PDB file of all heavy atoms in Angstrom:
ATOM      1  N   ASN A   1       0.840  -1.192   0.000  1.00  0.00           N
ATOM      2  CA  ASN A   1       0.000   0.000   0.000  1.00  0.00           C
ATOM      3  C   ASN A   1       0.878   1.246   0.000  1.00  0.00           C
ATOM      4  O   ASN A   1       1.410   1.659   1.040  1.00  0.00           O
ATOM      5  CB  ASN A   1      -0.923   0.013   1.220  1.00  0.00           C
ATOM      6  CG  ASN A   1      -1.946   1.132   1.163  1.00  0.00           C
ATOM      7  OD1 ASN A   1      -1.903   1.989   0.279  1.00  0.00           O
ATOM      8  ND2 ASN A   1      -2.883   1.139   2.092  1.00  0.00           N
ATOM      9  N   TYR A   2       1.026   1.833  -1.176  1.00  0.00           N
ATOM     10  CA  TYR A   2       1.771   3.075  -1.333  1.00  0.00           C
ATOM     11  C   TYR A   2       0.862   4.143  -1.933  1.00  0.00           C
ATOM     12  O   TYR A   2       1.300   4.974  -2.734  1.00  0.00           O
ATOM     13  CB  TYR A   2       3.005   2.842  -2.208  1.00  0.00           C
ATOM     14  CG  TYR A   2       4.085   2.036  -1.510  1.00  0.00           C
ATOM     15  CD1 TYR A   2       4.091   0.647  -1.585  1.00  0.00           C
ATOM     16  CD2 TYR A   2       5.068   2.654  -0.751  1.00  0.00           C
ATOM     17  CE1 TYR A   2       5.066  -0.101  -0.935  1.00  0.00           C
ATOM     18  CE2 TYR A   2       6.056   1.923  -0.102  1.00  0.00           C
ATOM     19  CZ  TYR A   2       6.043   0.546  -0.199  1.00  0.00           C
ATOM     20  OH  TYR A   2       7.010  -0.190   0.446  1.00  0.00           O
ATOM     21  N   ASN A   3      -0.387   4.114  -1.534  1.00  0.00           N
ATOM     22  CA  ASN A   3      -1.344   5.084  -2.060  1.00  0.00           C
ATOM     23  C   ASN A   3      -0.905   6.521  -1.827  1.00  0.00           C
ATOM     24  O   ASN A   3      -1.185   7.410  -2.638  1.00  0.00           O
ATOM     25  CB  ASN A   3      -2.719   4.861  -1.424  1.00  0.00           C
ATOM     26  CG  ASN A   3      -3.460   3.691  -2.052  1.00  0.00           C
ATOM     27  OD1 ASN A   3      -3.136   3.263  -3.148  1.00  0.00           O
ATOM     28  ND2 ASN A   3      -4.464   3.182  -1.350  1.00  0.00           N
ATOM     29  N   ASN A   4      -0.201   6.751  -0.726  1.00  0.00           N
ATOM     30  CA  ASN A   4       0.184   8.126  -0.387  1.00  0.00           C
ATOM     31  C   ASN A   4       1.199   8.714  -1.362  1.00  0.00           C
ATOM     32  O   ASN A   4       1.307   9.935  -1.492  1.00  0.00           O
ATOM     33  CB  ASN A   4       0.746   8.183   1.041  1.00  0.00           C
ATOM     34  CG  ASN A   4       1.980   7.313   1.217  1.00  0.00           C
ATOM     35  OD1 ASN A   4       2.094   6.257   0.598  1.00  0.00           O
ATOM     36  ND2 ASN A   4       2.900   7.748   2.070  1.00  0.00           N
ATOM     37  N   VAL A   5       1.955   7.865  -2.062  1.00  0.00           N
ATOM     38  CA  VAL A   5       2.939   8.384  -3.022  1.00  0.00           C
ATOM     39  C   VAL A   5       2.622   7.956  -4.452  1.00  0.00           C
ATOM     40  O   VAL A   5       3.387   8.267  -5.379  1.00  0.00           O
ATOM     41  CB  VAL A   5       4.372   7.931  -2.648  1.00  0.00           C
ATOM     42  CG1 VAL A   5       4.821   8.599  -1.365  1.00  0.00           C
ATOM     43  CG2 VAL A   5       4.467   6.414  -2.557  1.00  0.00           C
ATOM     44  N   LEU A   6       1.508   7.252  -4.630  1.00  0.00           N
ATOM     45  CA  LEU A   6       1.131   6.788  -5.971  1.00  0.00           C
ATOM     46  C   LEU A   6      -0.264   7.272  -6.361  1.00  0.00           C
ATOM     47  O   LEU A   6      -0.951   6.629  -7.169  1.00  0.00           O
ATOM     48  CB  LEU A   6       1.186   5.258  -6.037  1.00  0.00           C
ATOM     49  CG  LEU A   6       2.572   4.622  -5.982  1.00  0.00           C
ATOM     50  CD1 LEU A   6       2.461   3.099  -5.946  1.00  0.00           C
ATOM     51  CD2 LEU A   6       3.432   5.059  -7.170  1.00  0.00           C
ATOM     52  N   ASP A   7      -0.684   8.374  -5.790  1.00  0.00           N
ATOM     53  CA  ASP A   7      -1.978   8.945  -6.150  1.00  0.00           C
ATOM     54  C   ASP A   7      -3.099   7.910  -6.033  1.00  0.00           C
ATOM     55  O   ASP A   7      -3.964   7.806  -6.891  1.00  0.00           O
ATOM     56  CB  ASP A   7      -1.935   9.505  -7.585  1.00  0.00           C
ATOM     57  CG  ASP A   7      -3.160  10.335  -7.919  1.00  0.00           C
ATOM     58  OD1 ASP A   7      -3.750  10.929  -6.995  1.00  0.00           O
ATOM     59  OD2 ASP A   7      -3.541  10.375  -9.103  1.00  0.00           O
ATOM     60  N   ASN A   8      -3.049   7.128  -4.966  1.00  0.00           N
ATOM     61  CA  ASN A   8      -4.075   6.107  -4.689  1.00  0.00           C
ATOM     62  C   ASN A   8      -4.153   5.019  -5.757  1.00  0.00           C
ATOM     63  O   ASN A   8      -5.201   4.415  -5.953  1.00  0.00           O
ATOM     64  CB  ASN A   8      -5.455   6.758  -4.523  1.00  0.00           C
ATOM     65  CG  ASN A   8      -5.559   7.576  -3.252  1.00  0.00           C
ATOM     66  OD1 ASN A   8      -4.989   7.208  -2.226  1.00  0.00           O
ATOM     67  ND2 ASN A   8      -6.249   8.697  -3.325  1.00  0.00           N
ATOM     68  N   LEU A   9      -3.037   4.738  -6.411  1.00  0.00           N
ATOM     69  CA  LEU A   9      -3.027   3.766  -7.496  1.00  0.00           C
ATOM     70  C   LEU A   9      -2.158   2.548  -7.197  1.00  0.00           C
ATOM     71  O   LEU A   9      -1.556   1.950  -8.086  1.00  0.00           O
ATOM     72  CB  LEU A   9      -2.548   4.439  -8.789  1.00  0.00           C
ATOM     73  CG  LEU A   9      -3.528   5.444  -9.392  1.00  0.00           C
ATOM     74  CD1 LEU A   9      -2.848   6.271 -10.476  1.00  0.00           C
ATOM     75  CD2 LEU A   9      -4.750   4.733  -9.971  1.00  0.00           C
ATOM     76  N   SER A  10      -2.099   2.148  -5.933  1.00  0.00           N
ATOM     77  CA  SER A  10      -1.323   0.959  -5.580  1.00  0.00           C
ATOM     78  C   SER A  10      -1.780  -0.252  -6.381  1.00  0.00           C
ATOM     79  O   SER A  10      -0.966  -1.093  -6.793  1.00  0.00           O
ATOM     80  CB  SER A  10      -1.452   0.664  -4.085  1.00  0.00           C
ATOM     81  OG  SER A  10      -0.832   1.663  -3.313  1.00  0.00           O
ATOM     82  N   HIS A  11      -3.081  -0.356  -6.615  1.00  0.00           N
ATOM     83  CA  HIS A  11      -3.607  -1.520  -7.312  1.00  0.00           C
ATOM     84  C   HIS A  11      -3.233  -1.541  -8.795  1.00  0.00           C
ATOM     85  O   HIS A  11      -3.404  -2.572  -9.448  1.00  0.00           O
ATOM     86  CB  HIS A  11      -5.134  -1.573  -7.184  1.00  0.00           C
ATOM     87  CG  HIS A  11      -5.600  -2.138  -5.885  1.00  0.00           C
ATOM     88  ND1 HIS A  11      -5.883  -1.357  -4.793  1.00  0.00           N
ATOM     89  CD2 HIS A  11      -5.832  -3.427  -5.502  1.00  0.00           C
ATOM     90  CE1 HIS A  11      -6.278  -2.134  -3.790  1.00  0.00           C
ATOM     91  NE2 HIS A  11      -6.248  -3.383  -4.185  1.00  0.00           N
ATOM     92  N   ASN A  12      -2.742  -0.459  -9.309  1.00  0.00           N
ATOM     93  CA  ASN A  12      -2.236  -0.481 -10.678  1.00  0.00           C
ATOM     94  C   ASN A  12      -0.767  -0.867 -10.704  1.00  0.00           C
ATOM     95  O   ASN A  12      -0.371  -1.805 -11.393  1.00  0.00           O
ATOM     96  CB  ASN A  12      -2.438   0.881 -11.345  1.00  0.00           C
ATOM     97  CG  ASN A  12      -1.899   0.908 -12.763  1.00  0.00           C
ATOM     98  OD1 ASN A  12      -0.732   1.204 -12.989  1.00  0.00           O
ATOM     99  ND2 ASN A  12      -2.747   0.558 -13.725  1.00  0.00           N
ATOM    100  N   PHE A  13       0.037  -0.190  -9.922  1.00  0.00           N
ATOM    101  CA  PHE A  13       1.479  -0.365 -10.020  1.00  0.00           C
ATOM    102  C   PHE A  13       1.979  -1.650  -9.378  1.00  0.00           C
ATOM    103  O   PHE A  13       3.052  -2.135  -9.732  1.00  0.00           O
ATOM    104  CB  PHE A  13       2.188   0.865  -9.436  1.00  0.00           C
ATOM    105  CG  PHE A  13       1.990   2.101 -10.266  1.00  0.00           C
ATOM    106  CD1 PHE A  13       1.149   3.112  -9.839  1.00  0.00           C
ATOM    107  CD2 PHE A  13       2.624   2.234 -11.494  1.00  0.00           C
ATOM    108  CE1 PHE A  13       0.947   4.246 -10.618  1.00  0.00           C
ATOM    109  CE2 PHE A  13       2.428   3.366 -12.280  1.00  0.00           C
ATOM    110  CZ  PHE A  13       1.592   4.373 -11.844  1.00  0.00           C
ATOM    111  N   LEU A  14       1.202  -2.231  -8.464  1.00  0.00           N
ATOM    112  CA  LEU A  14       1.600  -3.523  -7.903  1.00  0.00           C
ATOM    113  C   LEU A  14       1.721  -4.578  -8.988  1.00  0.00           C
ATOM    114  O   LEU A  14       2.581  -5.461  -8.922  1.00  0.00           O
ATOM    115  CB  LEU A  14       0.573  -3.977  -6.856  1.00  0.00           C
ATOM    116  CG  LEU A  14       0.745  -5.389  -6.286  1.00  0.00           C
ATOM    117  CD1 LEU A  14       2.096  -5.530  -5.583  1.00  0.00           C
ATOM    118  CD2 LEU A  14      -0.390  -5.731  -5.330  1.00  0.00           C
ATOM    119  N   PHE A  15       0.880  -4.485 -10.016  1.00  0.00           N
ATOM    120  CA  PHE A  15       0.812  -5.534 -11.026  1.00  0.00           C
ATOM    121  C   PHE A  15       1.670  -5.258 -12.258  1.00  0.00           C
ATOM    122  O   PHE A  15       1.605  -6.002 -13.238  1.00  0.00           O
ATOM    123  CB  PHE A  15      -0.645  -5.772 -11.415  1.00  0.00           C
ATOM    124  CG  PHE A  15      -1.469  -6.203 -10.234  1.00  0.00           C
ATOM    125  CD1 PHE A  15      -2.355  -5.331  -9.631  1.00  0.00           C
ATOM    126  CD2 PHE A  15      -1.312  -7.463  -9.690  1.00  0.00           C
ATOM    127  CE1 PHE A  15      -3.084  -5.711  -8.521  1.00  0.00           C
ATOM    128  CE2 PHE A  15      -2.039  -7.866  -8.584  1.00  0.00           C
ATOM    129  CZ  PHE A  15      -2.933  -6.983  -7.990  1.00  0.00           C
ATOM    130  N   ASN A  16       2.465  -4.185 -12.218  1.00  0.00           N
ATOM    131  CA  ASN A  16       3.509  -4.018 -13.235  1.00  0.00           C
ATOM    132  C   ASN A  16       4.805  -3.555 -12.572  1.00  0.00           C
ATOM    133  O   ASN A  16       5.608  -2.856 -13.174  1.00  0.00           O
ATOM    134  CB  ASN A  16       3.068  -3.050 -14.349  1.00  0.00           C
ATOM    135  CG  ASN A  16       2.657  -1.688 -13.822  1.00  0.00           C
ATOM    136  OD1 ASN A  16       3.233  -1.190 -12.865  1.00  0.00           O
ATOM    137  ND2 ASN A  16       1.664  -1.089 -14.463  1.00  0.00           N
ATOM    138  N   LEU A  17       5.003  -4.003 -11.341  1.00  0.00           N
ATOM    139  CA  LEU A  17       6.146  -3.587 -10.537  1.00  0.00           C
ATOM    140  C   LEU A  17       7.423  -4.277 -11.025  1.00  0.00           C
ATOM    141  O   LEU A  17       7.536  -5.499 -10.992  1.00  0.00           O
ATOM    142  CB  LEU A  17       5.891  -3.938  -9.068  1.00  0.00           C
ATOM    143  CG  LEU A  17       6.927  -3.464  -8.048  1.00  0.00           C
ATOM    144  CD1 LEU A  17       6.974  -1.937  -8.009  1.00  0.00           C
ATOM    145  CD2 LEU A  17       6.588  -4.017  -6.665  1.00  0.00           C
ATOM    146  N   GLU A  18       8.360  -3.471 -11.504  1.00  0.00           N
ATOM    147  CA  GLU A  18       9.676  -3.986 -11.924  1.00  0.00           C
ATOM    148  C   GLU A  18      10.758  -3.197 -11.193  1.00  0.00           C
ATOM    149  O   GLU A  18      10.822  -3.199  -9.975  1.00  0.00           O
ATOM    150  CB  GLU A  18       9.835  -3.858 -13.432  1.00  0.00           C
ATOM    151  CG  GLU A  18       8.986  -4.814 -14.239  1.00  0.00           C
ATOM    152  CD  GLU A  18       9.446  -4.869 -15.680  1.00  0.00           C
ATOM    153  OE1 GLU A  18      10.663  -5.062 -15.892  1.00  0.00           O
ATOM    154  OE2 GLU A  18       8.609  -4.726 -16.580  1.00  0.00           O
ATOM    155  N   GLY A  19      11.591  -2.477 -11.976  1.00  0.00           N
ATOM    156  CA  GLY A  19      12.580  -1.608 -11.367  1.00  0.00           C
ATOM    157  C   GLY A  19      11.943  -0.292 -10.948  1.00  0.00           C
ATOM    158  O   GLY A  19      10.739  -0.071 -11.084  1.00  0.00           O
ATOM    159  N   SER A  20      12.763   0.613 -10.454  1.00  0.00           N
ATOM    160  CA  SER A  20      12.259   1.885  -9.942  1.00  0.00           C
ATOM    161  C   SER A  20      11.610   2.735 -11.019  1.00  0.00           C
ATOM    162  O   SER A  20      10.824   3.635 -10.722  1.00  0.00           O
ATOM    163  CB  SER A  20      13.384   2.672  -9.269  1.00  0.00           C
ATOM    164  OG  SER A  20      14.434   2.919 -10.191  1.00  0.00           O
ATOM    165  N   GLY A  21      11.911   2.445 -12.296  1.00  0.00           N
ATOM    166  CA  GLY A  21      11.310   3.211 -13.376  1.00  0.00           C
ATOM    167  C   GLY A  21       9.915   2.775 -13.741  1.00  0.00           C
ATOM    168  O   GLY A  21       9.271   3.385 -14.602  1.00  0.00           O
ATOM    169  N   SER A  22       9.401   1.746 -13.091  1.00  0.00           N
ATOM    170  CA  SER A  22       8.077   1.236 -13.446  1.00  0.00           C
ATOM    171  C   SER A  22       6.943   1.979 -12.768  1.00  0.00           C
ATOM    172  O   SER A  22       5.770   1.670 -12.999  1.00  0.00           O
ATOM    173  CB  SER A  22       7.976  -0.261 -13.113  1.00  0.00           C
ATOM    174  OG  SER A  22       8.119  -0.481 -11.715  1.00  0.00           O
ATOM    175  N   ASN A  23       7.267   2.957 -11.928  1.00  0.00           N
ATOM    176  CA  ASN A  23       6.226   3.738 -11.254  1.00  0.00           C
ATOM    177  C   ASN A  23       6.808   5.082 -10.841  1.00  0.00           C
ATOM    178  O   ASN A  23       8.024   5.216 -10.697  1.00  0.00           O
ATOM    179  CB  ASN A  23       5.684   2.979 -10.042  1.00  0.00           C
ATOM    180  CG  ASN A  23       6.770   2.656  -9.033  1.00  0.00           C
ATOM    181  OD1 ASN A  23       7.149   3.481  -8.215  1.00  0.00           O
ATOM    182  ND2 ASN A  23       7.300   1.426  -9.114  1.00  0.00           N
ATOM    183  N   PRO A  24       5.954   6.075 -10.646  1.00  0.00           N
ATOM    184  CA  PRO A  24       6.462   7.430 -10.373  1.00  0.00           C
ATOM    185  C   PRO A  24       7.093   7.602  -9.006  1.00  0.00           C
ATOM    186  O   PRO A  24       7.770   8.592  -8.770  1.00  0.00           O
ATOM    187  CB  PRO A  24       5.205   8.304 -10.528  1.00  0.00           C
ATOM    188  CG  PRO A  24       4.067   7.384 -10.286  1.00  0.00           C
ATOM    189  CD  PRO A  24       4.495   6.064 -10.823  1.00  0.00           C
ATOM    190  N   ALA A  25       6.903   6.641  -8.094  1.00  0.00           N
ATOM    191  CA  ALA A  25       7.489   6.759  -6.760  1.00  0.00           C
ATOM    192  C   ALA A  25       8.857   6.092  -6.671  1.00  0.00           C
ATOM    193  O   ALA A  25       9.492   6.123  -5.613  1.00  0.00           O
ATOM    194  CB  ALA A  25       6.548   6.154  -5.723  1.00  0.00           C
ATOM    195  N   GLY A  26       9.312   5.464  -7.762  1.00  0.00           N
ATOM    196  CA  GLY A  26      10.632   4.837  -7.752  1.00  0.00           C
ATOM    197  C   GLY A  26      10.712   3.572  -6.920  1.00  0.00           C
ATOM    198  O   GLY A  26      11.789   3.207  -6.431  1.00  0.00           O
ATOM    199  N   LEU A  27       9.598   2.870  -6.776  1.00  0.00           N
ATOM    200  CA  LEU A  27       9.563   1.641  -5.983  1.00  0.00           C
ATOM    201  C   LEU A  27       9.952   0.447  -6.850  1.00  0.00           C
ATOM    202  O   LEU A  27       9.619   0.389  -8.028  1.00  0.00           O
ATOM    203  CB  LEU A  27       8.157   1.435  -5.418  1.00  0.00           C
ATOM    204  CG  LEU A  27       7.640   2.574  -4.529  1.00  0.00           C
ATOM    205  CD1 LEU A  27       6.135   2.468  -4.344  1.00  0.00           C
ATOM    206  CD2 LEU A  27       8.350   2.564  -3.184  1.00  0.00           C
ATOM    207  N   ASP A  28      10.649  -0.518  -6.253  1.00  0.00           N
ATOM    208  CA  ASP A  28      11.032  -1.709  -7.008  1.00  0.00           C
ATOM    209  C   ASP A  28      10.481  -2.963  -6.333  1.00  0.00           C
ATOM    210  O   ASP A  28       9.762  -2.891  -5.340  1.00  0.00           O
ATOM    211  CB  ASP A  28      12.544  -1.782  -7.192  1.00  0.00           C
ATOM    212  CG  ASP A  28      13.296  -1.860  -5.865  1.00  0.00           C
ATOM    213  OD1 ASP A  28      12.683  -2.220  -4.835  1.00  0.00           O
ATOM    214  OD2 ASP A  28      14.506  -1.562  -5.854  1.00  0.00           O
ATOM    215  N   LYS A  29      10.868  -4.128  -6.860  1.00  0.00           N
ATOM    216  CA  LYS A  29      10.310  -5.383  -6.356  1.00  0.00           C
ATOM    217  C   LYS A  29      10.667  -5.665  -4.900  1.00  0.00           C
ATOM    218  O   LYS A  29       9.948  -6.399  -4.218  1.00  0.00           O
ATOM    219  CB  LYS A  29      10.786  -6.550  -7.228  1.00  0.00           C
ATOM    220  CG  LYS A  29      10.202  -6.555  -8.631  1.00  0.00           C
ATOM    221  CD  LYS A  29      10.666  -7.774  -9.406  1.00  0.00           C
ATOM    222  CE  LYS A  29      10.112  -7.776 -10.813  1.00  0.00           C
ATOM    223  NZ  LYS A  29      10.525  -8.980 -11.579  1.00  0.00           N
ATOM    224  N   ALA A  30      11.753  -5.101  -4.426  1.00  0.00           N
ATOM    225  CA  ALA A  30      12.153  -5.335  -3.044  1.00  0.00           C
ATOM    226  C   ALA A  30      11.128  -4.796  -2.053  1.00  0.00           C
ATOM    227  O   ALA A  30      11.100  -5.210  -0.888  1.00  0.00           O
ATOM    228  CB  ALA A  30      13.525  -4.709  -2.783  1.00  0.00           C
ATOM    229  N   THR A  31      10.280  -3.883  -2.507  1.00  0.00           N
ATOM    230  CA  THR A  31       9.254  -3.314  -1.615  1.00  0.00           C
ATOM    231  C   THR A  31       8.025  -4.204  -1.508  1.00  0.00           C
ATOM    232  O   THR A  31       7.152  -3.947  -0.683  1.00  0.00           O
ATOM    233  CB  THR A  31       8.808  -1.935  -2.121  1.00  0.00           C
ATOM    234  OG1 THR A  31       8.154  -2.074  -3.402  1.00  0.00           O
ATOM    235  CG2 THR A  31       9.986  -0.992  -2.271  1.00  0.00           C
ATOM    236  N   ASN A  32       7.941  -5.233  -2.332  1.00  0.00           N
ATOM    237  CA  ASN A  32       6.734  -6.054  -2.399  1.00  0.00           C
ATOM    238  C   ASN A  32       6.807  -7.215  -1.409  1.00  0.00           C
ATOM    239  O   ASN A  32       7.502  -8.210  -1.640  1.00  0.00           O
ATOM    240  CB  ASN A  32       6.542  -6.588  -3.812  1.00  0.00           C
ATOM    241  CG  ASN A  32       5.252  -7.387  -3.964  1.00  0.00           C
ATOM    242  OD1 ASN A  32       4.445  -7.484  -3.049  1.00  0.00           O
ATOM    243  ND2 ASN A  32       5.080  -7.981  -5.133  1.00  0.00           N
ATOM    244  N   LYS A  33       6.076  -7.099  -0.320  1.00  0.00           N
ATOM    245  CA  LYS A  33       5.978  -8.173   0.673  1.00  0.00           C
ATOM    246  C   LYS A  33       4.587  -8.786   0.677  1.00  0.00           C
ATOM    247  O   LYS A  33       4.197  -9.447   1.635  1.00  0.00           O
ATOM    248  CB  LYS A  33       6.320  -7.638   2.059  1.00  0.00           C
ATOM    249  CG  LYS A  33       7.751  -7.118   2.174  1.00  0.00           C
ATOM    250  CD  LYS A  33       8.038  -6.593   3.570  1.00  0.00           C
ATOM    251  CE  LYS A  33       9.473  -6.062   3.661  1.00  0.00           C
ATOM    252  NZ  LYS A  33       9.768  -5.531   5.023  1.00  0.00           N
ATOM    253  N   GLU A  34       3.834  -8.557  -0.402  1.00  0.00           N
ATOM    254  CA  GLU A  34       2.468  -9.074  -0.481  1.00  0.00           C
ATOM    255  C   GLU A  34       2.394 -10.422  -1.187  1.00  0.00           C
ATOM    256  O   GLU A  34       1.575 -11.265  -0.827  1.00  0.00           O
ATOM    257  CB  GLU A  34       1.560  -8.077  -1.205  1.00  0.00           C
ATOM    258  CG  GLU A  34       0.133  -8.571  -1.340  1.00  0.00           C
ATOM    259  CD  GLU A  34      -0.847  -7.487  -1.741  1.00  0.00           C
ATOM    260  OE1 GLU A  34      -0.488  -6.294  -1.647  1.00  0.00           O
ATOM    261  OE2 GLU A  34      -1.969  -7.825  -2.134  1.00  0.00           O
ATOM    262  N   PHE A  35       3.253 -10.647  -2.177  1.00  0.00           N
ATOM    263  CA  PHE A  35       3.203 -11.893  -2.932  1.00  0.00           C
ATOM    264  C   PHE A  35       3.756 -13.033  -2.083  1.00  0.00           C
ATOM    265  O   PHE A  35       4.905 -12.983  -1.632  1.00  0.00           O
ATOM    266  CB  PHE A  35       4.001 -11.772  -4.221  1.00  0.00           C
ATOM    267  CG  PHE A  35       3.377 -10.889  -5.272  1.00  0.00           C
ATOM    268  CD1 PHE A  35       2.213 -10.160  -5.011  1.00  0.00           C
ATOM    269  CD2 PHE A  35       3.946 -10.785  -6.530  1.00  0.00           C
ATOM    270  CE1 PHE A  35       1.648  -9.346  -5.983  1.00  0.00           C
ATOM    271  CE2 PHE A  35       3.387  -9.980  -7.514  1.00  0.00           C
ATOM    272  CZ  PHE A  35       2.230  -9.256  -7.238  1.00  0.00           C
ATOM    273  N   ILE A  36       2.965 -14.072  -1.900  1.00  0.00           N
ATOM    274  CA  ILE A  36       3.351 -15.218  -1.082  1.00  0.00           C
ATOM    275  C   ILE A  36       3.911 -16.335  -1.945  1.00  0.00           C
ATOM    276  O   ILE A  36       4.913 -16.952  -1.616  1.00  0.00           O
ATOM    277  CB  ILE A  36       2.142 -15.718  -0.261  1.00  0.00           C
ATOM    278  CG1 ILE A  36       1.689 -14.620   0.709  1.00  0.00           C
ATOM    279  CG2 ILE A  36       2.480 -16.997   0.498  1.00  0.00           C
ATOM    280  CD1 ILE A  36       0.401 -14.945   1.453  1.00  0.00           C
ATOM    281  N   PHE A  37       3.263 -16.602  -3.066  1.00  0.00           N
ATOM    282  CA  PHE A  37       3.770 -17.562  -4.043  1.00  0.00           C
ATOM    283  C   PHE A  37       3.599 -16.944  -5.415  1.00  0.00           C
ATOM    284  O   PHE A  37       2.501 -16.514  -5.772  1.00  0.00           O
ATOM    285  CB  PHE A  37       3.019 -18.886  -3.939  1.00  0.00           C
ATOM    286  CG  PHE A  37       3.486 -19.919  -4.928  1.00  0.00           C
ATOM    287  CD1 PHE A  37       4.831 -20.210  -5.059  1.00  0.00           C
ATOM    288  CD2 PHE A  37       2.583 -20.596  -5.730  1.00  0.00           C
ATOM    289  CE1 PHE A  37       5.274 -21.149  -5.976  1.00  0.00           C
ATOM    290  CE2 PHE A  37       3.017 -21.543  -6.651  1.00  0.00           C
ATOM    291  CZ  PHE A  37       4.360 -21.825  -6.768  1.00  0.00           C
ATOM    292  N   TYR A  38       4.678 -16.905  -6.172  1.00  0.00           N
ATOM    293  CA  TYR A  38       4.653 -16.178  -7.434  1.00  0.00           C
ATOM    294  C   TYR A  38       5.756 -16.681  -8.342  1.00  0.00           C
ATOM    295  O   TYR A  38       6.716 -17.317  -7.907  1.00  0.00           O
ATOM    296  CB  TYR A  38       4.834 -14.677  -7.185  1.00  0.00           C
ATOM    297  CG  TYR A  38       6.057 -14.316  -6.372  1.00  0.00           C
ATOM    298  CD1 TYR A  38       7.211 -13.838  -6.980  1.00  0.00           C
ATOM    299  CD2 TYR A  38       6.053 -14.453  -4.977  1.00  0.00           C
ATOM    300  CE1 TYR A  38       8.332 -13.510  -6.240  1.00  0.00           C
ATOM    301  CE2 TYR A  38       7.171 -14.130  -4.221  1.00  0.00           C
ATOM    302  CZ  TYR A  38       8.308 -13.663  -4.850  1.00  0.00           C
ATOM    303  OH  TYR A  38       9.427 -13.355  -4.110  1.00  0.00           O
ATOM    304  N   SER A  39       5.603 -16.420  -9.623  1.00  0.00           N
ATOM    305  CA  SER A  39       6.644 -16.728 -10.594  1.00  0.00           C
ATOM    306  C   SER A  39       7.508 -15.490 -10.792  1.00  0.00           C
ATOM    307  O   SER A  39       6.984 -14.401 -11.059  1.00  0.00           O
ATOM    308  CB  SER A  39       6.026 -17.148 -11.933  1.00  0.00           C
ATOM    309  OG  SER A  39       5.362 -18.377 -11.818  1.00  0.00           O
ATOM    310  N   LYS A  40       8.818 -15.661 -10.645  1.00  0.00           N
ATOM    311  CA  LYS A  40       9.742 -14.542 -10.750  1.00  0.00           C
ATOM    312  C   LYS A  40      10.130 -14.294 -12.203  1.00  0.00           C
ATOM    313  O   LYS A  40      10.375 -15.228 -12.969  1.00  0.00           O
ATOM    314  CB  LYS A  40      11.019 -14.827  -9.960  1.00  0.00           C
ATOM    315  CG  LYS A  40      10.847 -14.799  -8.456  1.00  0.00           C
ATOM    316  CD  LYS A  40      10.578 -13.414  -7.922  1.00  0.00           C
ATOM    317  CE  LYS A  40      11.772 -12.503  -8.072  1.00  0.00           C
ATOM    318  NZ  LYS A  40      11.505 -11.140  -7.548  1.00  0.00           N
ATOM    319  N   PHE A  41      10.195 -13.023 -12.562  1.00  0.00           N
ATOM    320  CA  PHE A  41      10.655 -12.606 -13.891  1.00  0.00           C
ATOM    321  C   PHE A  41      11.669 -11.485 -13.712  1.00  0.00           C
ATOM    322  O   PHE A  41      11.710 -10.823 -12.664  1.00  0.00           O
ATOM    323  CB  PHE A  41       9.483 -12.141 -14.752  1.00  0.00           C
ATOM    324  CG  PHE A  41       8.586 -13.269 -15.192  1.00  0.00           C
ATOM    325  CD1 PHE A  41       7.592 -13.761 -14.355  1.00  0.00           C
ATOM    326  CD2 PHE A  41       8.745 -13.852 -16.436  1.00  0.00           C
ATOM    327  CE1 PHE A  41       6.787 -14.810 -14.747  1.00  0.00           C
ATOM    328  CE2 PHE A  41       7.938 -14.910 -16.835  1.00  0.00           C
ATOM    329  CZ  PHE A  41       6.953 -15.386 -15.994  1.00  0.00           C
ATOM    330  N   ASP A  42      12.474 -11.281 -14.735  1.00  0.00           N
ATOM    331  CA  ASP A  42      13.513 -10.259 -14.669  1.00  0.00           C
ATOM    332  C   ASP A  42      13.872  -9.828 -16.089  1.00  0.00           C
ATOM    333  O   ASP A  42      13.963 -10.667 -16.993  1.00  0.00           O
ATOM    334  CB  ASP A  42      14.744 -10.809 -13.950  1.00  0.00           C
ATOM    335  CG  ASP A  42      15.844  -9.776 -13.841  1.00  0.00           C
ATOM    336  OD1 ASP A  42      15.757  -8.932 -12.935  1.00  0.00           O
ATOM    337  OD2 ASP A  42      16.783  -9.814 -14.670  1.00  0.00           O
ATOM    338  N   PHE A  43      14.089  -8.544 -16.284  1.00  0.00           N
ATOM    339  CA  PHE A  43      14.344  -8.019 -17.623  1.00  0.00           C
ATOM    340  C   PHE A  43      15.611  -8.598 -18.238  1.00  0.00           C
ATOM    341  O   PHE A  43      15.685  -8.832 -19.444  1.00  0.00           O
ATOM    342  CB  PHE A  43      14.440  -6.490 -17.579  1.00  0.00           C
ATOM    343  CG  PHE A  43      14.644  -5.874 -18.923  1.00  0.00           C
ATOM    344  CD1 PHE A  43      13.642  -5.911 -19.887  1.00  0.00           C
ATOM    345  CD2 PHE A  43      15.841  -5.261 -19.254  1.00  0.00           C
ATOM    346  CE1 PHE A  43      13.831  -5.353 -21.143  1.00  0.00           C
ATOM    347  CE2 PHE A  43      16.044  -4.696 -20.501  1.00  0.00           C
ATOM    348  CZ  PHE A  43      15.033  -4.744 -21.447  1.00  0.00           C
TER     349      PHE A  43
END
């Protein structure tokens, strides 16, 4: 939940979260503690 720095759009950027350039707040995958089981991808 980064609504405070993502204009209330956490639900958008969570699902295209890559490097810091993937969202205006500069957040990367290391900030994601919500995914419990997932397939990892990398550019």
